[in-house]
């Protein structure tokens, strides 16, 4: 009897819990690369099953979201979590598909924002900042275009692509204590 009276209040709470970190804002003051022990356990026990793993040398592993778009007909970007287990650090890799890999510079315009975001030189700080700006655009449901072969074309247009990017970023933020 008591359970039935609590159920209407408990059900919405449970359903909202399925969309973990969907609306959390990125706090750049908390950017770091160290992995917390609790976040490490959560990722290893709960989240890693949603990823394809690759580990060429056993010291680090790359995690690519399993449900990501692998279509190479349009330019696309994937967020990849790279974990260096010996150092207890995680890095974000922004991985272009083969079409964008031909570009020397990844140049993205986010609709209704004055600046073009660019990624030329790779590095953990630059990739994290670049990925975070894309993540914020995905959260805000903004359209993006990317320079490919001399012209701007849509980027992360499909919901599946956007969600794969968003989930990977949220998992990275949780893993490194940003969330």
N, C-alpha and C. Protein backbone atom coordinates (compact mmCIF):
# COMPACT_ATOMS: atom_id res chain seq x y z
N UNK A 1 0.82 -1.20 0.00
CA UNK A 1 0.00 0.00 0.00
C UNK A 1 0.86 1.26 0.00
N UNK A 2 1.87 1.30 0.84
CA UNK A 2 2.75 2.46 0.91
C UNK A 2 3.51 2.62 -0.41
N UNK A 3 3.94 1.50 -1.00
CA UNK A 3 4.68 1.54 -2.26
C UNK A 3 3.85 2.19 -3.37
N UNK A 4 2.56 1.90 -3.41
CA UNK A 4 1.68 2.48 -4.43
C UNK A 4 1.55 3.98 -4.27
N UNK A 5 1.59 4.47 -3.07
CA UNK A 5 1.48 5.92 -2.88
C UNK A 5 2.80 6.63 -3.21
N UNK A 6 3.92 5.92 -3.13
CA UNK A 6 5.23 6.51 -3.45
C UNK A 6 5.54 6.39 -4.94
N UNK A 7 4.98 5.39 -5.59
CA UNK A 7 5.29 5.11 -6.99
C UNK A 7 5.14 6.32 -7.92
N UNK A 8 4.07 7.11 -7.84
CA UNK A 8 3.95 8.27 -8.75
C UNK A 8 5.10 9.28 -8.60
N UNK A 9 5.67 9.37 -7.42
CA UNK A 9 6.78 10.30 -7.20
C UNK A 9 8.12 9.68 -7.56
N UNK A 10 8.23 8.38 -7.37
CA UNK A 10 9.48 7.68 -7.62
C UNK A 10 9.72 7.43 -9.11
N UNK A 11 8.68 7.15 -9.87
CA UNK A 11 8.81 6.83 -11.29
C UNK A 11 9.45 7.96 -12.11
N UNK A 12 9.00 9.22 -11.98
CA UNK A 12 9.67 10.29 -12.75
C UNK A 12 11.14 10.45 -12.37
N UNK A 13 11.45 10.26 -11.11
CA UNK A 13 12.83 10.36 -10.67
C UNK A 13 13.69 9.27 -11.32
N UNK A 14 13.17 8.06 -11.36
CA UNK A 14 13.91 6.96 -12.00
C UNK A 14 14.08 7.20 -13.49
N UNK A 15 13.04 7.67 -14.16
CA UNK A 15 13.12 7.92 -15.59
C UNK A 15 14.08 9.05 -15.92
N UNK A 16 14.13 10.07 -15.09
CA UNK A 16 15.07 11.17 -15.35
C UNK A 16 16.50 10.74 -15.09
N UNK A 17 16.71 9.74 -14.26
CA UNK A 17 18.04 9.24 -13.98
C UNK A 17 18.66 8.51 -15.16
N UNK A 18 17.86 8.10 -16.12
CA UNK A 18 18.36 7.40 -17.30
C UNK A 18 19.12 8.34 -18.23
N UNK A 19 18.92 9.61 -18.11
CA UNK A 19 19.57 10.59 -18.99
C UNK A 19 20.70 11.27 -18.21
N UNK A 20 21.63 10.48 -17.75
CA UNK A 20 22.69 10.94 -16.87
C UNK A 20 23.51 12.06 -17.52
N UNK A 21 23.71 13.12 -16.78
CA UNK A 21 24.56 14.25 -17.17
C UNK A 21 24.11 14.96 -18.45
N UNK A 22 22.89 14.81 -18.86
CA UNK A 22 22.44 15.40 -20.12
C UNK A 22 22.51 16.93 -20.11
N UNK A 23 22.21 17.56 -18.99
CA UNK A 23 22.14 19.02 -18.95
C UNK A 23 23.25 19.67 -18.14
N UNK A 24 24.24 18.91 -17.72
CA UNK A 24 25.32 19.49 -16.92
C UNK A 24 26.19 20.40 -17.78
N UNK A 25 26.60 21.49 -17.16
CA UNK A 25 27.46 22.46 -17.84
C UNK A 25 28.92 22.10 -17.61
N UNK A 26 29.75 22.43 -18.58
CA UNK A 26 31.18 22.16 -18.51
C UNK A 26 31.83 23.26 -17.67
N UNK A 27 32.58 22.86 -16.66
CA UNK A 27 33.31 23.80 -15.82
C UNK A 27 34.79 23.70 -16.20
N UNK A 28 35.24 24.65 -17.01
CA UNK A 28 36.62 24.62 -17.49
C UNK A 28 37.64 24.78 -16.37
N UNK A 29 37.23 25.32 -15.25
CA UNK A 29 38.13 25.46 -14.10
C UNK A 29 38.51 24.08 -13.52
N UNK A 30 37.70 23.08 -13.82
CA UNK A 30 37.95 21.73 -13.29
C UNK A 30 38.66 20.81 -14.29
N UNK A 31 39.04 21.35 -15.46
CA UNK A 31 39.72 20.51 -16.45
C UNK A 31 40.97 19.89 -15.83
N UNK A 32 41.07 18.58 -15.96
CA UNK A 32 42.23 17.84 -15.49
C UNK A 32 42.25 16.51 -16.23
N UNK A 33 43.28 15.73 -15.98
CA UNK A 33 43.42 14.47 -16.70
C UNK A 33 43.54 13.28 -15.75
N UNK A 34 43.65 13.54 -14.46
CA UNK A 34 43.74 12.47 -13.46
C UNK A 34 42.39 11.78 -13.32
N UNK A 35 42.43 10.48 -13.10
CA UNK A 35 41.21 9.69 -12.91
C UNK A 35 41.01 9.46 -11.43
N UNK A 36 39.83 9.76 -10.94
CA UNK A 36 39.50 9.49 -9.54
C UNK A 36 39.20 8.01 -9.35
N UNK A 37 39.50 7.49 -8.17
CA UNK A 37 39.30 6.06 -7.89
C UNK A 37 37.84 5.65 -8.04
N UNK A 38 36.92 6.48 -7.53
CA UNK A 38 35.49 6.14 -7.64
C UNK A 38 35.02 6.20 -9.08
N UNK A 39 35.49 7.20 -9.83
CA UNK A 39 35.11 7.32 -11.24
C UNK A 39 35.68 6.17 -12.06
N UNK A 40 36.88 5.75 -11.71
CA UNK A 40 37.52 4.62 -12.37
C UNK A 40 36.68 3.36 -12.19
N UNK A 41 36.25 3.10 -10.96
CA UNK A 41 35.40 1.93 -10.69
C UNK A 41 34.08 2.02 -11.46
N UNK A 42 33.46 3.19 -11.44
CA UNK A 42 32.20 3.37 -12.15
C UNK A 42 32.38 3.11 -13.64
N UNK A 43 33.44 3.66 -14.22
CA UNK A 43 33.67 3.47 -15.66
C UNK A 43 33.94 2.00 -15.97
N UNK A 44 34.81 1.37 -15.20
CA UNK A 44 35.16 -0.03 -15.46
C UNK A 44 34.00 -0.99 -15.23
N UNK A 45 33.16 -0.70 -14.24
CA UNK A 45 32.08 -1.62 -13.91
C UNK A 45 30.77 -1.35 -14.63
N UNK A 46 30.56 -0.10 -15.05
CA UNK A 46 29.26 0.25 -15.63
C UNK A 46 29.37 0.75 -17.07
N UNK A 47 30.21 1.74 -17.31
CA UNK A 47 30.20 2.43 -18.58
C UNK A 47 31.01 1.78 -19.70
N UNK A 48 32.09 1.10 -19.41
CA UNK A 48 32.98 0.60 -20.47
C UNK A 48 32.30 -0.41 -21.39
N UNK A 49 31.21 -1.03 -20.96
CA UNK A 49 30.53 -2.01 -21.82
C UNK A 49 29.89 -1.36 -23.05
N UNK A 50 29.75 -0.04 -23.04
CA UNK A 50 29.15 0.67 -24.17
C UNK A 50 30.19 1.08 -25.22
N UNK A 51 31.43 0.63 -25.02
CA UNK A 51 32.53 1.07 -25.87
C UNK A 51 33.24 -0.10 -26.52
N UNK A 52 33.78 0.17 -27.70
CA UNK A 52 34.73 -0.74 -28.35
C UNK A 52 36.10 -0.36 -27.81
N UNK A 53 36.90 -1.36 -27.43
CA UNK A 53 38.20 -1.08 -26.83
C UNK A 53 39.32 -1.52 -27.74
N UNK A 54 40.41 -0.76 -27.66
CA UNK A 54 41.61 -1.07 -28.41
C UNK A 54 42.80 -0.77 -27.51
N UNK A 55 43.74 -1.72 -27.43
CA UNK A 55 44.92 -1.52 -26.59
C UNK A 55 46.13 -2.16 -27.26
N UNK A 56 46.85 -1.39 -28.07
CA UNK A 56 47.98 -1.98 -28.80
C UNK A 56 49.15 -2.40 -27.91
N UNK A 57 49.40 -1.70 -26.81
CA UNK A 57 50.58 -2.04 -25.99
C UNK A 57 50.25 -2.42 -24.55
N UNK A 58 49.01 -2.39 -24.15
CA UNK A 58 48.63 -2.78 -22.80
C UNK A 58 48.79 -1.68 -21.77
N UNK A 59 49.46 -0.59 -22.10
CA UNK A 59 49.64 0.52 -21.15
C UNK A 59 48.46 1.49 -21.20
N UNK A 60 47.83 1.58 -22.33
CA UNK A 60 46.69 2.47 -22.49
C UNK A 60 45.62 1.77 -23.31
N UNK A 61 44.40 2.27 -23.18
CA UNK A 61 43.28 1.74 -23.96
C UNK A 61 42.50 2.90 -24.56
N UNK A 62 42.06 2.72 -25.78
CA UNK A 62 41.19 3.69 -26.44
C UNK A 62 39.77 3.13 -26.41
N UNK A 63 38.83 3.96 -25.99
CA UNK A 63 37.42 3.59 -25.91
C UNK A 63 36.64 4.42 -26.91
N UNK A 64 36.04 3.73 -27.89
CA UNK A 64 35.20 4.37 -28.89
C UNK A 64 33.76 3.90 -28.66
N UNK A 65 32.84 4.85 -28.57
CA UNK A 65 31.45 4.50 -28.31
C UNK A 65 30.95 3.52 -29.36
N UNK A 66 30.41 2.40 -28.93
CA UNK A 66 30.01 1.32 -29.85
C UNK A 66 28.93 1.74 -30.84
N UNK A 67 28.03 2.59 -30.40
CA UNK A 67 26.89 2.97 -31.25
C UNK A 67 27.19 4.24 -32.05
N UNK A 68 28.46 4.50 -32.31
CA UNK A 68 28.83 5.69 -33.08
C UNK A 68 28.57 5.44 -34.57
N UNK A 69 28.51 6.53 -35.30
CA UNK A 69 28.32 6.42 -36.75
C UNK A 69 29.67 6.12 -37.39
N UNK A 70 29.71 5.13 -38.23
CA UNK A 70 30.95 4.77 -38.91
C UNK A 70 30.84 4.99 -40.42
N UNK A 71 29.87 5.77 -40.82
CA UNK A 71 29.66 6.08 -42.23
C UNK A 71 30.76 7.03 -42.70
N UNK A 72 31.45 6.67 -43.75
CA UNK A 72 32.53 7.50 -44.25
C UNK A 72 32.13 8.28 -45.51
N UNK A 73 30.84 8.50 -45.69
CA UNK A 73 30.37 9.26 -46.85
C UNK A 73 30.32 10.75 -46.57
N UNK A 74 30.25 11.13 -45.29
CA UNK A 74 30.19 12.53 -44.89
C UNK A 74 31.28 12.78 -43.84
N UNK A 75 31.78 14.01 -43.76
CA UNK A 75 32.74 14.33 -42.71
C UNK A 75 32.11 14.15 -41.33
N UNK A 76 32.89 13.58 -40.43
CA UNK A 76 32.39 13.34 -39.08
C UNK A 76 33.54 13.35 -38.08
N UNK A 77 33.20 13.62 -36.82
CA UNK A 77 34.16 13.59 -35.73
C UNK A 77 33.64 12.66 -34.64
N UNK A 78 34.53 11.91 -34.06
CA UNK A 78 34.19 11.07 -32.91
C UNK A 78 35.07 11.47 -31.74
N UNK A 79 34.49 11.44 -30.56
CA UNK A 79 35.26 11.63 -29.33
C UNK A 79 35.71 10.24 -28.87
N UNK A 80 36.96 10.12 -28.50
CA UNK A 80 37.53 8.86 -28.05
C UNK A 80 38.16 9.09 -26.68
N UNK A 81 37.86 8.23 -25.74
CA UNK A 81 38.48 8.30 -24.42
C UNK A 81 39.71 7.41 -24.45
N UNK A 82 40.86 7.99 -24.11
CA UNK A 82 42.11 7.24 -24.06
C UNK A 82 42.55 7.21 -22.60
N UNK A 83 42.69 6.02 -22.05
CA UNK A 83 43.08 5.88 -20.64
C UNK A 83 44.46 5.27 -20.56
N UNK A 84 45.33 5.97 -19.87
CA UNK A 84 46.69 5.48 -19.59
C UNK A 84 46.65 4.92 -18.17
N UNK A 85 46.50 3.60 -18.07
CA UNK A 85 46.27 2.96 -16.77
C UNK A 85 47.45 3.12 -15.82
N UNK A 86 48.67 3.14 -16.33
CA UNK A 86 49.84 3.24 -15.46
C UNK A 86 49.90 4.61 -14.78
N UNK A 87 49.55 5.66 -15.53
CA UNK A 87 49.58 7.03 -14.98
C UNK A 87 48.28 7.41 -14.29
N UNK A 88 47.25 6.58 -14.39
CA UNK A 88 45.91 6.93 -13.90
C UNK A 88 45.43 8.25 -14.50
N UNK A 89 45.58 8.37 -15.81
CA UNK A 89 45.13 9.57 -16.51
C UNK A 89 44.25 9.18 -17.70
N UNK A 90 43.37 10.09 -18.04
CA UNK A 90 42.50 9.91 -19.21
C UNK A 90 42.64 11.13 -20.10
N UNK A 91 42.65 10.89 -21.40
CA UNK A 91 42.77 11.96 -22.38
C UNK A 91 41.61 11.85 -23.35
N UNK A 92 41.30 12.96 -23.96
CA UNK A 92 40.26 12.98 -24.97
C UNK A 92 40.93 13.10 -26.33
N UNK A 93 40.55 12.24 -27.22
CA UNK A 93 41.06 12.28 -28.59
C UNK A 93 39.89 12.64 -29.50
N UNK A 94 40.07 13.68 -30.30
CA UNK A 94 39.06 14.02 -31.31
C UNK A 94 39.52 13.35 -32.59
N UNK A 95 38.74 12.36 -33.02
CA UNK A 95 39.13 11.51 -34.13
C UNK A 95 38.27 11.82 -35.37
N UNK A 96 38.89 12.40 -36.40
CA UNK A 96 38.13 12.64 -37.63
C UNK A 96 37.98 11.34 -38.42
N UNK A 97 36.89 11.25 -39.16
CA UNK A 97 36.76 10.10 -40.05
C UNK A 97 37.70 10.31 -41.24
N UNK A 98 37.86 9.32 -42.12
CA UNK A 98 38.83 9.44 -43.23
C UNK A 98 38.66 10.68 -44.10
N UNK A 99 37.43 11.16 -44.27
CA UNK A 99 37.22 12.34 -45.10
C UNK A 99 37.86 13.57 -44.46
N UNK A 100 37.64 13.76 -43.15
CA UNK A 100 38.23 14.91 -42.46
C UNK A 100 39.70 14.70 -42.14
N UNK A 101 40.15 13.47 -42.09
CA UNK A 101 41.56 13.20 -41.78
C UNK A 101 42.48 13.77 -42.86
N UNK A 102 41.95 13.99 -44.05
CA UNK A 102 42.73 14.58 -45.14
C UNK A 102 43.00 16.06 -44.91
N UNK A 103 42.23 16.70 -44.05
CA UNK A 103 42.37 18.14 -43.81
C UNK A 103 43.54 18.42 -42.86
N UNK A 104 44.28 19.49 -43.13
CA UNK A 104 45.36 19.91 -42.23
C UNK A 104 44.82 20.54 -40.96
N UNK A 105 43.64 21.12 -41.06
CA UNK A 105 43.02 21.88 -39.98
C UNK A 105 41.54 21.51 -39.93
N UNK A 106 41.04 21.22 -38.75
CA UNK A 106 39.60 20.98 -38.60
C UNK A 106 38.99 22.32 -38.19
N UNK A 107 38.11 22.82 -39.03
CA UNK A 107 37.51 24.14 -38.83
C UNK A 107 35.99 23.99 -38.76
N UNK A 108 35.41 24.31 -37.60
CA UNK A 108 33.98 24.12 -37.36
C UNK A 108 33.33 25.46 -37.05
N UNK A 109 32.20 25.70 -37.69
CA UNK A 109 31.40 26.89 -37.39
C UNK A 109 30.13 26.40 -36.70
N UNK A 110 29.86 27.00 -35.55
CA UNK A 110 28.64 26.69 -34.80
C UNK A 110 27.65 27.82 -35.06
N UNK A 111 26.46 27.45 -35.48
CA UNK A 111 25.44 28.44 -35.85
C UNK A 111 25.19 29.42 -34.69
N UNK A 112 25.08 30.68 -35.06
CA UNK A 112 24.82 31.79 -34.13
C UNK A 112 25.96 32.03 -33.14
N UNK A 113 27.16 31.61 -33.47
CA UNK A 113 28.33 31.94 -32.66
C UNK A 113 29.33 32.63 -33.55
N UNK A 114 29.94 33.71 -33.06
CA UNK A 114 30.80 34.52 -33.93
C UNK A 114 32.12 33.86 -34.33
N UNK A 115 32.65 33.01 -33.49
CA UNK A 115 33.97 32.45 -33.76
C UNK A 115 33.90 31.08 -34.42
N UNK A 116 34.86 30.83 -35.28
CA UNK A 116 35.07 29.50 -35.84
C UNK A 116 36.02 28.78 -34.89
N UNK A 117 35.71 27.54 -34.56
CA UNK A 117 36.64 26.79 -33.70
C UNK A 117 37.52 25.94 -34.59
N UNK A 118 38.80 25.93 -34.24
CA UNK A 118 39.78 25.24 -35.08
C UNK A 118 40.62 24.29 -34.25
N UNK A 119 40.98 23.18 -34.87
CA UNK A 119 41.90 22.23 -34.25
C UNK A 119 42.95 21.89 -35.29
N UNK A 120 44.14 22.43 -35.09
CA UNK A 120 45.24 22.14 -36.01
C UNK A 120 46.29 21.31 -35.29
N UNK A 121 46.85 21.89 -34.26
CA UNK A 121 47.87 21.18 -33.48
C UNK A 121 47.17 20.32 -32.44
N UNK A 122 47.53 19.08 -32.42
CA UNK A 122 46.93 18.17 -31.44
C UNK A 122 47.64 18.36 -30.11
N UNK A 123 46.99 18.01 -29.06
CA UNK A 123 47.51 18.11 -27.71
C UNK A 123 46.34 17.91 -26.77
N UNK A 124 46.59 17.38 -25.61
CA UNK A 124 45.48 17.01 -24.73
C UNK A 124 44.63 18.22 -24.33
N UNK A 125 45.24 19.36 -24.05
CA UNK A 125 44.47 20.55 -23.67
C UNK A 125 43.64 21.07 -24.84
N UNK A 126 44.26 21.12 -26.03
CA UNK A 126 43.55 21.64 -27.21
C UNK A 126 42.38 20.74 -27.60
N UNK A 127 42.61 19.44 -27.54
CA UNK A 127 41.53 18.51 -27.91
C UNK A 127 40.39 18.58 -26.90
N UNK A 128 40.72 18.73 -25.62
CA UNK A 128 39.68 18.83 -24.60
C UNK A 128 38.86 20.10 -24.79
N UNK A 129 39.50 21.21 -25.06
CA UNK A 129 38.78 22.47 -25.28
C UNK A 129 37.93 22.39 -26.55
N UNK A 130 38.50 21.88 -27.63
CA UNK A 130 37.77 21.74 -28.89
C UNK A 130 36.56 20.83 -28.70
N UNK A 131 36.78 19.66 -28.10
CA UNK A 131 35.69 18.72 -27.85
C UNK A 131 34.61 19.30 -26.95
N UNK A 132 35.02 20.11 -25.98
CA UNK A 132 34.05 20.73 -25.07
C UNK A 132 33.17 21.74 -25.79
N UNK A 133 33.74 22.48 -26.73
CA UNK A 133 32.93 23.43 -27.49
C UNK A 133 31.93 22.70 -28.38
N UNK A 134 32.35 21.60 -28.97
CA UNK A 134 31.42 20.78 -29.77
C UNK A 134 30.33 20.21 -28.85
N UNK A 135 30.73 19.71 -27.70
CA UNK A 135 29.78 19.15 -26.72
C UNK A 135 28.73 20.19 -26.33
N UNK A 136 29.17 21.42 -26.05
CA UNK A 136 28.23 22.48 -25.66
C UNK A 136 27.28 22.81 -26.81
N UNK A 137 27.75 22.76 -28.03
CA UNK A 137 26.88 23.00 -29.19
C UNK A 137 25.86 21.87 -29.34
N UNK A 138 26.31 20.65 -29.09
CA UNK A 138 25.38 19.50 -29.14
C UNK A 138 24.32 19.65 -28.06
N UNK A 139 24.73 20.01 -26.85
CA UNK A 139 23.78 20.21 -25.75
C UNK A 139 22.75 21.28 -26.10
N UNK A 140 23.21 22.37 -26.72
CA UNK A 140 22.33 23.48 -27.06
C UNK A 140 21.55 23.24 -28.36
N UNK A 141 21.76 22.06 -28.94
CA UNK A 141 21.07 21.67 -30.18
C UNK A 141 21.34 22.66 -31.32
N UNK A 142 22.58 23.13 -31.37
CA UNK A 142 22.97 24.06 -32.43
C UNK A 142 23.48 23.30 -33.64
N UNK A 143 23.23 23.85 -34.79
CA UNK A 143 23.74 23.27 -36.03
C UNK A 143 25.21 23.62 -36.17
N UNK A 144 25.98 22.70 -36.77
CA UNK A 144 27.40 22.92 -36.99
C UNK A 144 27.73 22.55 -38.43
N UNK A 145 28.73 23.27 -38.95
CA UNK A 145 29.27 22.94 -40.26
C UNK A 145 30.78 22.85 -40.14
N UNK A 146 31.39 22.02 -41.00
CA UNK A 146 32.84 21.82 -40.96
C UNK A 146 33.40 22.00 -42.36
N UNK A 147 34.60 22.55 -42.41
CA UNK A 147 35.27 22.75 -43.69
C UNK A 147 35.85 21.43 -44.18
N UNK A 148 35.40 21.01 -45.36
CA UNK A 148 35.86 19.75 -45.96
C UNK A 148 36.02 19.95 -47.46
N UNK A 149 37.23 19.74 -47.93
CA UNK A 149 37.54 19.88 -49.36
C UNK A 149 37.14 21.25 -49.90
N UNK A 150 37.40 22.28 -49.11
CA UNK A 150 37.18 23.65 -49.56
C UNK A 150 35.79 24.21 -49.38
N UNK A 151 34.85 23.41 -48.85
CA UNK A 151 33.50 23.95 -48.62
C UNK A 151 32.96 23.46 -47.28
N UNK A 152 32.04 24.25 -46.74
CA UNK A 152 31.45 23.89 -45.45
C UNK A 152 30.26 22.95 -45.66
N UNK A 153 30.24 21.88 -44.88
CA UNK A 153 29.18 20.88 -44.95
C UNK A 153 28.70 20.58 -43.53
N UNK A 154 27.48 20.05 -43.37
CA UNK A 154 26.96 19.77 -42.04
C UNK A 154 27.85 18.79 -41.25
N UNK A 155 27.91 19.01 -39.94
CA UNK A 155 28.67 18.16 -39.03
C UNK A 155 27.74 17.68 -37.93
N UNK A 156 27.85 16.40 -37.59
CA UNK A 156 27.03 15.79 -36.53
C UNK A 156 25.56 16.14 -36.72
N UNK A 157 25.09 15.88 -37.91
CA UNK A 157 23.73 16.24 -38.29
C UNK A 157 22.70 15.27 -37.72
N UNK A 158 23.04 14.00 -37.69
CA UNK A 158 22.10 12.97 -37.23
C UNK A 158 22.11 12.86 -35.70
N UNK A 159 20.96 12.55 -35.15
CA UNK A 159 20.84 12.40 -33.69
C UNK A 159 21.79 11.34 -33.14
N UNK A 160 21.96 10.26 -33.88
CA UNK A 160 22.85 9.17 -33.43
C UNK A 160 24.28 9.67 -33.26
N UNK A 161 24.76 10.47 -34.20
CA UNK A 161 26.11 11.02 -34.12
C UNK A 161 26.24 11.98 -32.94
N UNK A 162 25.26 12.85 -32.81
CA UNK A 162 25.29 13.84 -31.73
C UNK A 162 25.26 13.16 -30.36
N UNK A 163 24.41 12.16 -30.24
CA UNK A 163 24.29 11.47 -28.95
C UNK A 163 25.54 10.67 -28.63
N UNK A 164 26.16 10.04 -29.60
CA UNK A 164 27.40 9.30 -29.37
C UNK A 164 28.50 10.26 -28.89
N UNK A 165 28.58 11.43 -29.51
CA UNK A 165 29.57 12.42 -29.09
C UNK A 165 29.27 12.91 -27.68
N UNK A 166 28.01 13.23 -27.40
CA UNK A 166 27.62 13.75 -26.09
C UNK A 166 27.89 12.74 -24.98
N UNK A 167 27.52 11.50 -25.20
CA UNK A 167 27.70 10.46 -24.19
C UNK A 167 29.18 10.24 -23.90
N UNK A 168 29.99 10.18 -24.94
CA UNK A 168 31.43 9.98 -24.75
C UNK A 168 32.03 11.13 -23.95
N UNK A 169 31.65 12.36 -24.28
CA UNK A 169 32.16 13.51 -23.55
C UNK A 169 31.71 13.47 -22.09
N UNK A 170 30.44 13.15 -21.85
CA UNK A 170 29.95 13.08 -20.47
C UNK A 170 30.68 12.00 -19.68
N UNK A 171 30.94 10.85 -20.31
CA UNK A 171 31.71 9.80 -19.63
C UNK A 171 33.13 10.26 -19.34
N UNK A 172 33.73 10.99 -20.27
CA UNK A 172 35.08 11.52 -20.04
C UNK A 172 35.06 12.52 -18.87
N UNK A 173 34.10 13.42 -18.87
CA UNK A 173 34.01 14.41 -17.80
C UNK A 173 33.82 13.73 -16.43
N UNK A 174 32.98 12.72 -16.40
CA UNK A 174 32.75 11.98 -15.14
C UNK A 174 34.02 11.26 -14.70
N UNK A 175 34.71 10.66 -15.66
CA UNK A 175 35.93 9.89 -15.38
C UNK A 175 37.03 10.77 -14.79
N UNK A 176 37.13 12.01 -15.24
CA UNK A 176 38.20 12.89 -14.78
C UNK A 176 37.75 13.90 -13.72
N UNK A 177 36.54 13.76 -13.23
CA UNK A 177 36.07 14.62 -12.13
C UNK A 177 35.62 16.00 -12.56
N UNK A 178 35.43 16.23 -13.84
CA UNK A 178 34.93 17.51 -14.31
C UNK A 178 33.45 17.62 -13.96
N UNK A 179 32.73 16.51 -14.02
CA UNK A 179 31.34 16.44 -13.55
C UNK A 179 31.36 15.81 -12.18
